[in-house]
Amino acid sequence: MITDTLSATQLKQLLTEVFSNDATIHTIFLSEYMIRNKRKSANPKVGKHIHITNWREVIIWDEEDDVAFIHAHVRNISQESLINYCTKSTLEAYIIFYSEDYLLYVNSDVVDLISEDPMQIEKLRLLHKKTTSK
């Protein structure tokens, strides 16, 4: 999965900077829908790139439309799994990754990064600006 302006190498560098090896990384993604009590896979194929062992389902009901969204919450994924998913996956899963310091949403069009510390974001922006202008 590569954005228009980031190469796989640049994306890997950004992810390594944001989620260090000692960071505790978690993910939440849409795994299924439930329509009239029948489950339908969202087909995210996240398990192809992320080793999933410690997960739980969170079901969010929309009673008005009689539909539910089933999110998988996976705890303690490795930095390597995160990088593999973000640089090699071709599917458009509704997925976020987060640690104590950052929340990341990534797809083929955009990398959204949120932090409570605006200086951290500015530091990353300046670092990225240097690497893309070379």
N, C-alpha and C. Protein backbone atom coordinates (compact mmCIF):
# COMPACT_ATOMS: atom_id res chain seq x y z
N MET A 1 0.85 -1.16 0.00
CA MET A 1 0.00 0.00 0.00
C MET A 1 0.90 1.22 0.00
N ILE A 2 0.87 2.00 -1.03
CA ILE A 2 1.74 3.16 -1.15
C ILE A 2 0.88 4.39 -1.46
N THR A 3 1.11 5.47 -0.78
CA THR A 3 0.41 6.70 -1.12
C THR A 3 1.07 7.33 -2.33
N ASP A 4 0.43 8.33 -2.90
CA ASP A 4 0.97 8.97 -4.11
C ASP A 4 2.33 9.62 -3.89
N THR A 5 2.57 10.16 -2.72
CA THR A 5 3.81 10.90 -2.50
C THR A 5 4.84 10.15 -1.67
N LEU A 6 4.48 9.03 -1.08
CA LEU A 6 5.41 8.26 -0.26
C LEU A 6 5.77 6.96 -0.94
N SER A 7 7.05 6.67 -1.00
CA SER A 7 7.48 5.35 -1.47
C SER A 7 7.35 4.38 -0.30
N ALA A 8 7.46 3.10 -0.56
CA ALA A 8 7.41 2.10 0.51
C ALA A 8 8.53 2.34 1.51
N THR A 9 9.69 2.72 1.04
CA THR A 9 10.83 2.99 1.92
C THR A 9 10.55 4.19 2.82
N GLN A 10 9.98 5.24 2.26
CA GLN A 10 9.66 6.43 3.05
C GLN A 10 8.55 6.14 4.07
N LEU A 11 7.55 5.35 3.65
CA LEU A 11 6.49 4.99 4.58
C LEU A 11 7.05 4.14 5.71
N LYS A 12 7.92 3.20 5.39
CA LYS A 12 8.55 2.37 6.43
C LYS A 12 9.34 3.25 7.39
N GLN A 13 10.08 4.21 6.87
CA GLN A 13 10.85 5.13 7.71
C GLN A 13 9.93 5.91 8.65
N LEU A 14 8.82 6.40 8.12
CA LEU A 14 7.85 7.14 8.93
C LEU A 14 7.28 6.25 10.03
N LEU A 15 6.87 5.04 9.67
CA LEU A 15 6.28 4.12 10.65
C LEU A 15 7.28 3.74 11.73
N THR A 16 8.54 3.56 11.35
CA THR A 16 9.59 3.22 12.31
C THR A 16 9.82 4.38 13.27
N GLU A 17 9.75 5.58 12.76
CA GLU A 17 9.91 6.77 13.61
C GLU A 17 8.74 6.91 14.58
N VAL A 18 7.53 6.69 14.09
CA VAL A 18 6.33 6.87 14.90
C VAL A 18 6.15 5.74 15.92
N PHE A 19 6.32 4.51 15.47
CA PHE A 19 6.11 3.35 16.34
C PHE A 19 7.45 2.65 16.54
N SER A 20 8.17 3.03 17.57
CA SER A 20 9.48 2.44 17.84
C SER A 20 9.32 0.96 18.21
N ASN A 21 10.43 0.24 18.21
CA ASN A 21 10.41 -1.19 18.54
C ASN A 21 9.84 -1.46 19.93
N ASP A 22 10.02 -0.54 20.86
CA ASP A 22 9.53 -0.78 22.21
C ASP A 22 8.12 -0.22 22.44
N ALA A 23 7.50 0.36 21.41
CA ALA A 23 6.13 0.87 21.55
C ALA A 23 5.15 -0.30 21.61
N THR A 24 4.12 -0.13 22.41
CA THR A 24 3.03 -1.10 22.44
C THR A 24 2.01 -0.64 21.41
N ILE A 25 1.83 -1.46 20.37
CA ILE A 25 0.99 -1.08 19.23
C ILE A 25 -0.26 -1.95 19.22
N HIS A 26 -1.40 -1.30 18.99
CA HIS A 26 -2.67 -2.00 18.89
C HIS A 26 -3.33 -1.60 17.56
N THR A 27 -4.33 -2.38 17.16
CA THR A 27 -5.07 -2.03 15.95
C THR A 27 -6.55 -2.33 16.14
N ILE A 28 -7.37 -1.59 15.45
CA ILE A 28 -8.81 -1.84 15.38
C ILE A 28 -9.19 -1.78 13.90
N PHE A 29 -9.94 -2.80 13.45
CA PHE A 29 -10.37 -2.79 12.05
C PHE A 29 -11.77 -3.38 11.93
N LEU A 30 -12.47 -2.99 10.89
CA LEU A 30 -13.79 -3.52 10.60
C LEU A 30 -13.63 -4.92 10.05
N SER A 31 -14.14 -5.91 10.78
CA SER A 31 -13.97 -7.30 10.33
C SER A 31 -15.23 -7.86 9.68
N GLU A 32 -16.41 -7.45 10.18
CA GLU A 32 -17.66 -7.99 9.64
C GLU A 32 -18.79 -6.98 9.78
N TYR A 33 -19.84 -7.24 9.04
CA TYR A 33 -21.11 -6.55 9.19
C TYR A 33 -22.12 -7.58 9.65
N MET A 34 -23.16 -7.14 10.32
CA MET A 34 -24.26 -8.03 10.64
C MET A 34 -25.53 -7.34 10.17
N ILE A 35 -26.21 -7.97 9.21
CA ILE A 35 -27.44 -7.42 8.67
C ILE A 35 -28.55 -8.43 8.92
N ARG A 36 -29.57 -8.00 9.64
CA ARG A 36 -30.67 -8.88 10.04
C ARG A 36 -30.14 -10.18 10.66
N ASN A 37 -29.22 -10.02 11.60
CA ASN A 37 -28.61 -11.11 12.37
C ASN A 37 -27.80 -12.10 11.54
N LYS A 38 -27.40 -11.73 10.35
CA LYS A 38 -26.52 -12.58 9.53
C LYS A 38 -25.19 -11.86 9.35
N ARG A 39 -24.12 -12.56 9.69
CA ARG A 39 -22.78 -11.98 9.57
C ARG A 39 -22.29 -12.04 8.13
N LYS A 40 -21.67 -10.94 7.71
CA LYS A 40 -21.04 -10.88 6.39
C LYS A 40 -19.64 -10.32 6.57
N SER A 41 -18.66 -11.01 6.04
CA SER A 41 -17.28 -10.58 6.20
C SER A 41 -17.01 -9.28 5.46
N ALA A 42 -16.25 -8.41 6.10
CA ALA A 42 -15.77 -7.20 5.43
C ALA A 42 -14.53 -7.53 4.61
N ASN A 43 -14.05 -8.76 4.75
CA ASN A 43 -12.92 -9.30 4.00
C ASN A 43 -11.66 -8.43 4.09
N PRO A 44 -11.26 -8.06 5.31
CA PRO A 44 -10.08 -7.20 5.41
C PRO A 44 -8.75 -7.93 5.20
N LYS A 45 -8.73 -9.24 5.38
CA LYS A 45 -7.51 -10.06 5.22
C LYS A 45 -6.31 -9.47 5.97
N VAL A 46 -6.59 -8.91 7.12
CA VAL A 46 -5.53 -8.32 7.95
C VAL A 46 -4.58 -9.41 8.44
N GLY A 47 -5.11 -10.60 8.71
CA GLY A 47 -4.30 -11.71 9.21
C GLY A 47 -3.21 -12.16 8.25
N LYS A 48 -3.30 -11.77 7.01
CA LYS A 48 -2.25 -12.11 6.04
C LYS A 48 -0.94 -11.39 6.37
N HIS A 49 -1.03 -10.23 6.99
CA HIS A 49 0.15 -9.43 7.28
C HIS A 49 0.41 -9.24 8.77
N ILE A 50 -0.63 -9.44 9.60
CA ILE A 50 -0.50 -9.23 11.04
C ILE A 50 -0.84 -10.53 11.76
N HIS A 51 0.07 -10.99 12.60
CA HIS A 51 -0.16 -12.19 13.40
C HIS A 51 -1.17 -11.84 14.49
N ILE A 52 -2.36 -12.43 14.41
CA ILE A 52 -3.44 -12.09 15.34
C ILE A 52 -3.61 -13.20 16.36
N THR A 53 -3.33 -12.88 17.62
CA THR A 53 -3.54 -13.86 18.70
C THR A 53 -4.35 -13.26 19.84
N ASN A 54 -4.20 -12.00 20.11
CA ASN A 54 -4.82 -11.37 21.26
C ASN A 54 -5.86 -10.36 20.78
N TRP A 55 -7.08 -10.84 20.51
CA TRP A 55 -8.08 -9.97 19.93
C TRP A 55 -9.43 -10.16 20.61
N ARG A 56 -10.29 -9.16 20.42
CA ARG A 56 -11.68 -9.27 20.87
C ARG A 56 -12.56 -8.51 19.89
N GLU A 57 -13.82 -8.87 19.87
CA GLU A 57 -14.77 -8.19 18.98
C GLU A 57 -15.51 -7.11 19.74
N VAL A 58 -15.75 -6.02 19.06
CA VAL A 58 -16.59 -4.94 19.59
C VAL A 58 -17.70 -4.75 18.56
N ILE A 59 -18.95 -4.93 19.01
CA ILE A 59 -20.09 -4.84 18.11
C ILE A 59 -20.81 -3.51 18.34
N ILE A 60 -21.00 -2.77 17.27
CA ILE A 60 -21.69 -1.48 17.34
C ILE A 60 -22.97 -1.61 16.53
N TRP A 61 -24.12 -1.51 17.23
CA TRP A 61 -25.42 -1.68 16.58
C TRP A 61 -25.98 -0.34 16.12
N ASP A 62 -26.58 -0.38 14.95
CA ASP A 62 -27.40 0.73 14.46
C ASP A 62 -28.82 0.17 14.42
N GLU A 63 -29.54 0.36 15.51
CA GLU A 63 -30.87 -0.24 15.64
C GLU A 63 -31.85 0.29 14.60
N GLU A 64 -31.70 1.54 14.23
CA GLU A 64 -32.62 2.13 13.26
C GLU A 64 -32.55 1.40 11.91
N ASP A 65 -31.35 1.04 11.48
CA ASP A 65 -31.17 0.35 10.20
C ASP A 65 -31.02 -1.16 10.36
N ASP A 66 -31.08 -1.67 11.60
CA ASP A 66 -30.93 -3.09 11.90
C ASP A 66 -29.65 -3.67 11.29
N VAL A 67 -28.56 -2.97 11.54
CA VAL A 67 -27.26 -3.41 11.06
C VAL A 67 -26.24 -3.22 12.19
N ALA A 68 -25.23 -4.07 12.18
CA ALA A 68 -24.16 -3.94 13.17
C ALA A 68 -22.82 -3.95 12.45
N PHE A 69 -21.88 -3.26 13.04
CA PHE A 69 -20.51 -3.24 12.55
C PHE A 69 -19.66 -3.94 13.59
N ILE A 70 -18.92 -4.95 13.17
CA ILE A 70 -18.12 -5.73 14.09
C ILE A 70 -16.65 -5.37 13.88
N HIS A 71 -16.08 -4.78 14.90
CA HIS A 71 -14.68 -4.37 14.85
C HIS A 71 -13.84 -5.36 15.63
N ALA A 72 -12.70 -5.71 15.08
CA ALA A 72 -11.73 -6.54 15.80
C ALA A 72 -10.71 -5.61 16.43
N HIS A 73 -10.48 -5.82 17.71
CA HIS A 73 -9.49 -5.04 18.46
C HIS A 73 -8.35 -5.98 18.79
N VAL A 74 -7.19 -5.76 18.18
CA VAL A 74 -6.03 -6.63 18.36
C VAL A 74 -4.98 -5.87 19.16
N ARG A 75 -4.53 -6.49 20.23
CA ARG A 75 -3.57 -5.84 21.11
C ARG A 75 -2.17 -6.38 20.87
N ASN A 76 -1.20 -5.54 21.10
CA ASN A 76 0.21 -5.93 21.10
C ASN A 76 0.68 -6.54 19.77
N ILE A 77 0.54 -5.80 18.71
CA ILE A 77 1.08 -6.27 17.44
C ILE A 77 2.52 -5.78 17.31
N SER A 78 3.29 -6.44 16.52
CA SER A 78 4.70 -6.07 16.37
C SER A 78 4.86 -4.92 15.38
N GLN A 79 5.95 -4.21 15.53
CA GLN A 79 6.28 -3.15 14.59
C GLN A 79 6.43 -3.74 13.18
N GLU A 80 7.03 -4.91 13.10
CA GLU A 80 7.21 -5.58 11.81
C GLU A 80 5.87 -5.86 11.14
N SER A 81 4.89 -6.34 11.91
CA SER A 81 3.56 -6.60 11.35
C SER A 81 2.90 -5.32 10.85
N LEU A 82 3.03 -4.26 11.62
CA LEU A 82 2.48 -2.97 11.22
C LEU A 82 3.09 -2.51 9.90
N ILE A 83 4.40 -2.58 9.80
CA ILE A 83 5.10 -2.15 8.59
C ILE A 83 4.72 -3.04 7.41
N ASN A 84 4.66 -4.36 7.62
CA ASN A 84 4.25 -5.27 6.54
C ASN A 84 2.86 -4.93 6.03
N TYR A 85 1.91 -4.71 6.94
CA TYR A 85 0.56 -4.39 6.51
C TYR A 85 0.53 -3.08 5.72
N CYS A 86 1.16 -2.06 6.25
CA CYS A 86 1.09 -0.73 5.63
C CYS A 86 1.84 -0.63 4.31
N THR A 87 2.86 -1.45 4.11
CA THR A 87 3.65 -1.35 2.88
C THR A 87 3.30 -2.41 1.84
N LYS A 88 2.64 -3.51 2.27
CA LYS A 88 2.40 -4.61 1.33
C LYS A 88 0.93 -4.92 1.06
N SER A 89 0.04 -4.49 1.92
CA SER A 89 -1.38 -4.80 1.73
C SER A 89 -1.94 -3.98 0.57
N THR A 90 -2.83 -4.59 -0.19
CA THR A 90 -3.48 -3.88 -1.29
C THR A 90 -4.96 -3.66 -1.02
N LEU A 91 -5.47 -4.22 0.06
CA LEU A 91 -6.89 -4.07 0.37
C LEU A 91 -7.15 -2.76 1.10
N GLU A 92 -8.33 -2.26 0.94
CA GLU A 92 -8.74 -1.03 1.60
C GLU A 92 -9.55 -1.37 2.85
N ALA A 93 -8.87 -1.85 3.87
CA ALA A 93 -9.55 -2.15 5.13
C ALA A 93 -9.76 -0.86 5.91
N TYR A 94 -10.85 -0.82 6.66
CA TYR A 94 -11.05 0.29 7.58
C TYR A 94 -10.28 -0.05 8.84
N ILE A 95 -9.06 0.47 8.96
CA ILE A 95 -8.14 0.05 10.01
C ILE A 95 -7.38 1.25 10.58
N ILE A 96 -7.17 1.21 11.90
CA ILE A 96 -6.31 2.19 12.55
C ILE A 96 -5.30 1.44 13.40
N PHE A 97 -4.18 2.09 13.63
CA PHE A 97 -3.15 1.59 14.53
C PHE A 97 -2.92 2.67 15.57
N TYR A 98 -2.64 2.25 16.82
CA TYR A 98 -2.40 3.27 17.83
C TYR A 98 -1.45 2.76 18.91
N SER A 99 -0.81 3.73 19.53
CA SER A 99 0.06 3.49 20.67
C SER A 99 -0.31 4.54 21.72
N GLU A 100 0.50 4.62 22.73
CA GLU A 100 0.26 5.63 23.76
C GLU A 100 0.41 7.04 23.20
N ASP A 101 1.24 7.19 22.17
CA ASP A 101 1.57 8.52 21.66
C ASP A 101 0.90 8.91 20.35
N TYR A 102 0.50 7.93 19.54
CA TYR A 102 -0.01 8.23 18.20
C TYR A 102 -1.21 7.38 17.83
N LEU A 103 -2.02 7.92 16.92
CA LEU A 103 -3.07 7.16 16.25
C LEU A 103 -2.82 7.34 14.75
N LEU A 104 -2.83 6.22 14.02
CA LEU A 104 -2.50 6.24 12.59
C LEU A 104 -3.61 5.59 11.78
N TYR A 105 -4.05 6.28 10.74
CA TYR A 105 -4.94 5.71 9.74
C TYR A 105 -4.19 5.78 8.42
N VAL A 106 -4.12 4.66 7.72
CA VAL A 106 -3.39 4.65 6.46
C VAL A 106 -4.18 3.86 5.42
N ASN A 107 -4.24 4.37 4.21
CA ASN A 107 -4.77 3.61 3.07
C ASN A 107 -3.98 4.03 1.85
N SER A 108 -4.42 3.65 0.68
CA SER A 108 -3.63 3.93 -0.52
C SER A 108 -3.59 5.41 -0.89
N ASP A 109 -4.47 6.21 -0.31
CA ASP A 109 -4.53 7.63 -0.64
C ASP A 109 -3.96 8.57 0.41
N VAL A 110 -3.97 8.14 1.66
CA VAL A 110 -3.67 9.09 2.73
C VAL A 110 -3.01 8.39 3.92
N VAL A 111 -2.18 9.15 4.61
CA VAL A 111 -1.65 8.74 5.90
C VAL A 111 -2.07 9.83 6.88
N ASP A 112 -2.96 9.48 7.81
CA ASP A 112 -3.39 10.42 8.84
C ASP A 112 -2.74 10.03 10.14
N LEU A 113 -2.10 10.97 10.79
CA LEU A 113 -1.40 10.72 12.03
C LEU A 113 -1.85 11.75 13.06
N ILE A 114 -2.23 11.27 14.24
CA ILE A 114 -2.72 12.14 15.30
C ILE A 114 -1.87 11.92 16.54
N SER A 115 -1.55 13.02 17.21
CA SER A 115 -0.81 12.96 18.47
C SER A 115 -1.30 14.09 19.36
N GLU A 116 -1.23 13.87 20.67
CA GLU A 116 -1.55 14.95 21.61
C GLU A 116 -0.48 16.03 21.58
N ASP A 117 0.71 15.67 21.15
CA ASP A 117 1.84 16.59 21.16
C ASP A 117 2.06 17.16 19.76
N PRO A 118 1.66 18.41 19.51
CA PRO A 118 1.82 18.99 18.18
C PRO A 118 3.28 19.07 17.73
N MET A 119 4.20 19.17 18.67
CA MET A 119 5.62 19.24 18.32
C MET A 119 6.10 17.93 17.70
N GLN A 120 5.56 16.80 18.14
CA GLN A 120 5.93 15.51 17.55
C GLN A 120 5.50 15.46 16.08
N ILE A 121 4.31 15.93 15.81
CA ILE A 121 3.81 15.94 14.43
C ILE A 121 4.66 16.88 13.58
N GLU A 122 4.98 18.04 14.11
CA GLU A 122 5.81 19.00 13.37
C GLU A 122 7.19 18.41 13.08
N LYS A 123 7.77 17.73 14.05
CA LYS A 123 9.08 17.10 13.86
C LYS A 123 9.01 16.06 12.74
N LEU A 124 7.96 15.26 12.73
CA LEU A 124 7.79 14.25 11.67
C LEU A 124 7.56 14.91 10.32
N ARG A 125 6.78 15.98 10.31
CA ARG A 125 6.51 16.69 9.05
C ARG A 125 7.81 17.24 8.46
N LEU A 126 8.63 17.83 9.30
CA LEU A 126 9.91 18.39 8.83
C LEU A 126 10.84 17.28 8.36
N LEU A 127 10.87 16.17 9.07
CA LEU A 127 11.70 15.04 8.65
C LEU A 127 11.23 14.52 7.29
N HIS A 128 9.92 14.37 7.13
CA HIS A 128 9.37 13.89 5.86
C HIS A 128 9.66 14.89 4.74
N LYS A 129 9.55 16.16 5.03
CA LYS A 129 9.82 17.19 4.01
C LYS A 129 11.26 17.09 3.51
N LYS A 130 12.19 16.82 4.42
CA LYS A 130 13.60 16.66 4.03
C LYS A 130 13.79 15.43 3.15
N THR A 131 13.15 14.32 3.50
CA THR A 131 13.37 13.08 2.74
C THR A 131 12.70 13.12 1.38
N THR A 132 11.59 13.84 1.24
CA THR A 132 10.93 13.89 -0.06
C THR A 132 11.52 14.95 -0.98
N SER A 133 12.29 15.88 -0.43
CA SER A 133 12.87 16.92 -1.29
C SER A 133 14.26 16.57 -1.78
N LYS A 134 14.77 15.41 -1.41
CA LYS A 134 16.12 15.00 -1.85
C LYS A 134 16.11 14.56 -3.29
